[in-house]
Amino acid sequence: GSYQVISGYRCPATNNKLRETGGGG
């Protein structure tokens, strides 16, 4: 079967945005 992908590549801007607004991790 297929892996379900939640996140693969993340550009630096997205990573920074997720760090600022996300729930951690």
PDB file of all heavy atoms in Angstrom:
ATOM      1  N   GLY A   1       0.805  -1.207   0.000  1.00  0.00           N
ATOM      2  CA  GLY A   1       0.000   0.000   0.000  1.00  0.00           C
ATOM      3  C   GLY A   1       0.838   1.257   0.000  1.00  0.00           C
ATOM      4  O   GLY A   1       2.065   1.232  -0.081  1.00  0.00           O
ATOM      5  N   SER A   2       0.139   2.369   0.088  1.00  0.00           N
ATOM      6  CA  SER A   2       0.749   3.685  -0.049  1.00  0.00           C
ATOM      7  C   SER A   2       1.028   4.326   1.300  1.00  0.00           C
ATOM      8  O   SER A   2       0.186   4.297   2.199  1.00  0.00           O
ATOM      9  CB  SER A   2      -0.192   4.610  -0.824  1.00  0.00           C
ATOM     10  OG  SER A   2      -0.455   4.097  -2.102  1.00  0.00           O
ATOM     11  N   TYR A   3       2.192   4.944   1.401  1.00  0.00           N
ATOM     12  CA  TYR A   3       2.448   5.814   2.540  1.00  0.00           C
ATOM     13  C   TYR A   3       1.565   7.036   2.400  1.00  0.00           C
ATOM     14  O   TYR A   3       1.417   7.578   1.307  1.00  0.00           O
ATOM     15  CB  TYR A   3       3.905   6.305   2.529  1.00  0.00           C
ATOM     16  CG  TYR A   3       4.916   5.346   3.081  1.00  0.00           C
ATOM     17  CD1 TYR A   3       5.723   4.590   2.235  1.00  0.00           C
ATOM     18  CD2 TYR A   3       5.101   5.221   4.456  1.00  0.00           C
ATOM     19  CE1 TYR A   3       6.683   3.731   2.743  1.00  0.00           C
ATOM     20  CE2 TYR A   3       6.058   4.358   4.967  1.00  0.00           C
ATOM     21  CZ  TYR A   3       6.840   3.623   4.109  1.00  0.00           C
ATOM     22  OH  TYR A   3       7.789   2.778   4.618  1.00  0.00           O
ATOM     23  N   GLN A   4       0.975   7.468   3.482  1.00  0.00           N
ATOM     24  CA  GLN A   4       0.264   8.738   3.494  1.00  0.00           C
ATOM     25  C   GLN A   4       1.266   9.794   3.940  1.00  0.00           C
ATOM     26  O   GLN A   4       1.847   9.698   5.020  1.00  0.00           O
ATOM     27  CB  GLN A   4      -0.930   8.699   4.443  1.00  0.00           C
ATOM     28  CG  GLN A   4      -2.028   7.791   3.965  1.00  0.00           C
ATOM     29  CD  GLN A   4      -3.205   7.750   4.928  1.00  0.00           C
ATOM     30  OE1 GLN A   4      -3.102   8.140   6.089  1.00  0.00           O
ATOM     31  NE2 GLN A   4      -4.331   7.261   4.443  1.00  0.00           N
ATOM     32  N   VAL A   5       1.472  10.800   3.091  1.00  0.00           N
ATOM     33  CA  VAL A   5       2.451  11.854   3.350  1.00  0.00           C
ATOM     34  C   VAL A   5       1.761  13.044   4.001  1.00  0.00           C
ATOM     35  O   VAL A   5       0.781  13.569   3.471  1.00  0.00           O
ATOM     36  CB  VAL A   5       3.127  12.307   2.041  1.00  0.00           C
ATOM     37  CG1 VAL A   5       4.068  13.482   2.300  1.00  0.00           C
ATOM     38  CG2 VAL A   5       3.849  11.154   1.380  1.00  0.00           C
ATOM     39  N   ILE A   6       2.289  13.464   5.134  1.00  0.00           N
ATOM     40  CA  ILE A   6       1.816  14.661   5.805  1.00  0.00           C
ATOM     41  C   ILE A   6       2.691  15.834   5.404  1.00  0.00           C
ATOM     42  O   ILE A   6       2.204  16.921   5.125  1.00  0.00           O
ATOM     43  CB  ILE A   6       1.782  14.477   7.343  1.00  0.00           C
ATOM     44  CG1 ILE A   6       0.647  13.526   7.755  1.00  0.00           C
ATOM     45  CG2 ILE A   6       1.581  15.796   8.057  1.00  0.00           C
ATOM     46  CD1 ILE A   6       0.920  12.093   7.577  1.00  0.00           C
ATOM     47  N   SER A   7       4.009  15.607   5.357  1.00  0.00           N
ATOM     48  CA  SER A   7       4.940  16.668   4.974  1.00  0.00           C
ATOM     49  C   SER A   7       6.193  16.063   4.379  1.00  0.00           C
ATOM     50  O   SER A   7       6.747  15.105   4.922  1.00  0.00           O
ATOM     51  CB  SER A   7       5.300  17.516   6.198  1.00  0.00           C
ATOM     52  OG  SER A   7       6.154  18.577   5.847  1.00  0.00           O
ATOM     53  N   GLY A   8       6.644  16.637   3.270  1.00  0.00           N
ATOM     54  CA  GLY A   8       7.908  16.256   2.643  1.00  0.00           C
ATOM     55  C   GLY A   8       8.844  17.452   2.719  1.00  0.00           C
ATOM     56  O   GLY A   8       9.208  17.909   3.802  1.00  0.00           O
ATOM     57  N   TYR A   9       9.188  17.995   1.552  1.00  0.00           N
ATOM     58  CA  TYR A   9      10.046  19.172   1.503  1.00  0.00           C
ATOM     59  C   TYR A   9       9.310  20.371   2.106  1.00  0.00           C
ATOM     60  O   TYR A   9       8.099  20.510   1.956  1.00  0.00           O
ATOM     61  CB  TYR A   9      10.446  19.493   0.052  1.00  0.00           C
ATOM     62  CG  TYR A   9      11.188  20.792  -0.066  1.00  0.00           C
ATOM     63  CD1 TYR A   9      12.516  20.888   0.352  1.00  0.00           C
ATOM     64  CD2 TYR A   9      10.568  21.926  -0.553  1.00  0.00           C
ATOM     65  CE1 TYR A   9      13.200  22.090   0.280  1.00  0.00           C
ATOM     66  CE2 TYR A   9      11.238  23.132  -0.642  1.00  0.00           C
ATOM     67  CZ  TYR A   9      12.554  23.206  -0.220  1.00  0.00           C
ATOM     68  OH  TYR A   9      13.222  24.416  -0.287  1.00  0.00           O
ATOM     69  N   ARG A  10      10.071  21.227   2.778  1.00  0.00           N
ATOM     70  CA  ARG A  10       9.535  22.461   3.342  1.00  0.00           C
ATOM     71  C   ARG A  10      10.540  23.577   3.068  1.00  0.00           C
ATOM     72  O   ARG A  10      11.702  23.462   3.446  1.00  0.00           O
ATOM     73  CB  ARG A  10       9.402  22.294   4.864  1.00  0.00           C
ATOM     74  CG  ARG A  10       8.132  22.821   5.440  1.00  0.00           C
ATOM     75  CD  ARG A  10       8.165  22.732   6.958  1.00  0.00           C
ATOM     76  NE  ARG A  10       7.646  21.467   7.433  1.00  0.00           N
ATOM     77  CZ  ARG A  10       8.038  20.858   8.535  1.00  0.00           C
ATOM     78  NH1 ARG A  10       8.974  21.361   9.301  1.00  0.00           N
ATOM     79  NH2 ARG A  10       7.491  19.716   8.898  1.00  0.00           N
ATOM     80  N   CYS A  11      10.111  24.628   2.383  1.00  0.00           N
ATOM     81  CA  CYS A  11      11.031  25.737   2.133  1.00  0.00           C
ATOM     82  C   CYS A  11      11.268  26.497   3.448  1.00  0.00           C
ATOM     83  O   CYS A  11      10.462  26.407   4.386  1.00  0.00           O
ATOM     84  CB  CYS A  11      10.501  26.656   1.039  1.00  0.00           C
ATOM     85  SG  CYS A  11       9.116  27.713   1.507  1.00  0.00           S
ATOM     86  N   PRO A  12      12.365  27.255   3.547  1.00  0.00           N
ATOM     87  CA  PRO A  12      12.664  27.967   4.791  1.00  0.00           C
ATOM     88  C   PRO A  12      11.539  28.908   5.246  1.00  0.00           C
ATOM     89  O   PRO A  12      11.253  28.986   6.447  1.00  0.00           O
ATOM     90  CB  PRO A  12      13.945  28.743   4.455  1.00  0.00           C
ATOM     91  CG  PRO A  12      14.615  27.882   3.424  1.00  0.00           C
ATOM     92  CD  PRO A  12      13.474  27.330   2.594  1.00  0.00           C
ATOM     93  N   ALA A  13      10.886  29.600   4.312  1.00  0.00           N
ATOM     94  CA  ALA A  13       9.803  30.514   4.701  1.00  0.00           C
ATOM     95  C   ALA A  13       8.646  29.750   5.343  1.00  0.00           C
ATOM     96  O   ALA A  13       8.087  30.188   6.354  1.00  0.00           O
ATOM     97  CB  ALA A  13       9.317  31.302   3.484  1.00  0.00           C
ATOM     98  N   THR A  14       8.271  28.613   4.765  1.00  0.00           N
ATOM     99  CA  THR A  14       7.203  27.797   5.351  1.00  0.00           C
ATOM    100  C   THR A  14       7.623  27.281   6.714  1.00  0.00           C
ATOM    101  O   THR A  14       6.840  27.312   7.671  1.00  0.00           O
ATOM    102  CB  THR A  14       6.847  26.623   4.420  1.00  0.00           C
ATOM    103  OG1 THR A  14       6.293  27.140   3.208  1.00  0.00           O
ATOM    104  CG2 THR A  14       5.854  25.683   5.070  1.00  0.00           C
ATOM    105  N   ASN A  15       8.854  26.811   6.823  1.00  0.00           N
ATOM    106  CA  ASN A  15       9.331  26.287   8.094  1.00  0.00           C
ATOM    107  C   ASN A  15       9.256  27.362   9.181  1.00  0.00           C
ATOM    108  O   ASN A  15       8.789  27.111  10.295  1.00  0.00           O
ATOM    109  CB  ASN A  15      10.764  25.763   7.949  1.00  0.00           C
ATOM    110  CG  ASN A  15      11.141  24.830   9.063  1.00  0.00           C
ATOM    111  OD1 ASN A  15      10.658  23.707   9.123  1.00  0.00           O
ATOM    112  ND2 ASN A  15      11.990  25.289   9.962  1.00  0.00           N
ATOM    113  N   ASN A  16       9.696  28.582   8.844  1.00  0.00           N
ATOM    114  CA  ASN A  16       9.639  29.690   9.813  1.00  0.00           C
ATOM    115  C   ASN A  16       8.204  30.021  10.197  1.00  0.00           C
ATOM    116  O   ASN A  16       7.913  30.249  11.374  1.00  0.00           O
ATOM    117  CB  ASN A  16      10.348  30.922   9.263  1.00  0.00           C
ATOM    118  CG  ASN A  16      11.846  30.750   9.220  1.00  0.00           C
ATOM    119  OD1 ASN A  16      12.413  29.940   9.950  1.00  0.00           O
ATOM    120  ND2 ASN A  16      12.498  31.488   8.345  1.00  0.00           N
ATOM    121  N   LYS A  17       7.315  30.043   9.212  1.00  0.00           N
ATOM    122  CA  LYS A  17       5.906  30.339   9.489  1.00  0.00           C
ATOM    123  C   LYS A  17       5.307  29.290  10.429  1.00  0.00           C
ATOM    124  O   LYS A  17       4.594  29.625  11.379  1.00  0.00           O
ATOM    125  CB  LYS A  17       5.112  30.400   8.186  1.00  0.00           C
ATOM    126  CG  LYS A  17       3.648  30.743   8.381  1.00  0.00           C
ATOM    127  CD  LYS A  17       2.918  30.814   7.056  1.00  0.00           C
ATOM    128  CE  LYS A  17       1.458  31.090   7.283  1.00  0.00           C
ATOM    129  NZ  LYS A  17       0.708  31.090   6.026  1.00  0.00           N
ATOM    130  N   LEU A  18       5.601  28.016  10.165  1.00  0.00           N
ATOM    131  CA  LEU A  18       5.078  26.941  11.019  1.00  0.00           C
ATOM    132  C   LEU A  18       5.663  27.028  12.434  1.00  0.00           C
ATOM    133  O   LEU A  18       4.976  26.734  13.404  1.00  0.00           O
ATOM    134  CB  LEU A  18       5.370  25.571  10.403  1.00  0.00           C
ATOM    135  CG  LEU A  18       4.600  25.251   9.119  1.00  0.00           C
ATOM    136  CD1 LEU A  18       5.104  23.942   8.513  1.00  0.00           C
ATOM    137  CD2 LEU A  18       3.110  25.201   9.364  1.00  0.00           C
ATOM    138  N   ARG A  19       6.920  27.429  12.546  1.00  0.00           N
ATOM    139  CA  ARG A  19       7.528  27.596  13.874  1.00  0.00           C
ATOM    140  C   ARG A  19       6.823  28.700  14.653  1.00  0.00           C
ATOM    141  O   ARG A  19       6.609  28.585  15.849  1.00  0.00           O
ATOM    142  CB  ARG A  19       9.015  27.944  13.751  1.00  0.00           C
ATOM    143  CG  ARG A  19       9.898  26.748  13.505  1.00  0.00           C
ATOM    144  CD  ARG A  19      11.366  27.108  13.457  1.00  0.00           C
ATOM    145  NE  ARG A  19      11.843  27.864  14.591  1.00  0.00           N
ATOM    146  CZ  ARG A  19      12.093  27.367  15.809  1.00  0.00           C
ATOM    147  NH1 ARG A  19      11.890  26.089  16.024  1.00  0.00           N
ATOM    148  NH2 ARG A  19      12.555  28.126  16.772  1.00  0.00           N
ATOM    149  N   GLU A  20       6.462  29.779  13.965  1.00  0.00           N
ATOM    150  CA  GLU A  20       5.836  30.925  14.618  1.00  0.00           C
ATOM    151  C   GLU A  20       4.371  30.677  14.964  1.00  0.00           C
ATOM    152  O   GLU A  20       3.887  31.174  15.970  1.00  0.00           O
ATOM    153  CB  GLU A  20       5.939  32.160  13.726  1.00  0.00           C
ATOM    154  CG  GLU A  20       7.358  32.651  13.549  1.00  0.00           C
ATOM    155  CD  GLU A  20       7.491  33.697  12.447  1.00  0.00           C
ATOM    156  OE1 GLU A  20       6.460  34.083  11.841  1.00  0.00           O
ATOM    157  OE2 GLU A  20       8.635  34.109  12.179  1.00  0.00           O
ATOM    158  N   THR A  21       3.669  29.936  14.133  1.00  0.00           N
ATOM    159  CA  THR A  21       2.226  29.784  14.314  1.00  0.00           C
ATOM    160  C   THR A  21       1.789  28.391  14.726  1.00  0.00           C
ATOM    161  O   THR A  21       0.647  28.203  15.133  1.00  0.00           O
ATOM    162  CB  THR A  21       1.472  30.149  13.012  1.00  0.00           C
ATOM    163  OG1 THR A  21       1.886  29.250  11.981  1.00  0.00           O
ATOM    164  CG2 THR A  21       1.747  31.574  12.592  1.00  0.00           C
ATOM    165  N   GLY A  22       2.678  27.409  14.584  1.00  0.00           N
ATOM    166  CA  GLY A  22       2.312  26.020  14.838  1.00  0.00           C
ATOM    167  C   GLY A  22       2.272  25.678  16.305  1.00  0.00           C
ATOM    168  O   GLY A  22       2.567  26.484  17.190  1.00  0.00           O
ATOM    169  N   GLY A  23       1.917  24.432  16.553  1.00  0.00           N
ATOM    170  CA  GLY A  23       1.801  23.946  17.920  1.00  0.00           C
ATOM    171  C   GLY A  23       3.065  23.276  18.418  1.00  0.00           C
ATOM    172  O   GLY A  23       3.015  22.461  19.318  1.00  0.00           O
ATOM    173  N   GLY A  24       4.212  23.597  17.826  1.00  0.00           N
ATOM    174  CA  GLY A  24       5.465  22.986  18.273  1.00  0.00           C
ATOM    175  C   GLY A  24       5.879  21.850  17.373  1.00  0.00           C
ATOM    176  O   GLY A  24       5.173  21.457  16.454  1.00  0.00           O
ATOM    177  N   GLY A  25       7.079  21.341  17.627  1.00  0.00           N
ATOM    178  CA  GLY A  25       7.587  20.215  16.865  1.00  0.00           C
ATOM    179  C   GLY A  25       8.266  20.587  15.562  1.00  0.00           C
ATOM    180  O   GLY A  25       8.681  19.711  14.828  1.00  0.00           O
TER     181      GLY A  25
END
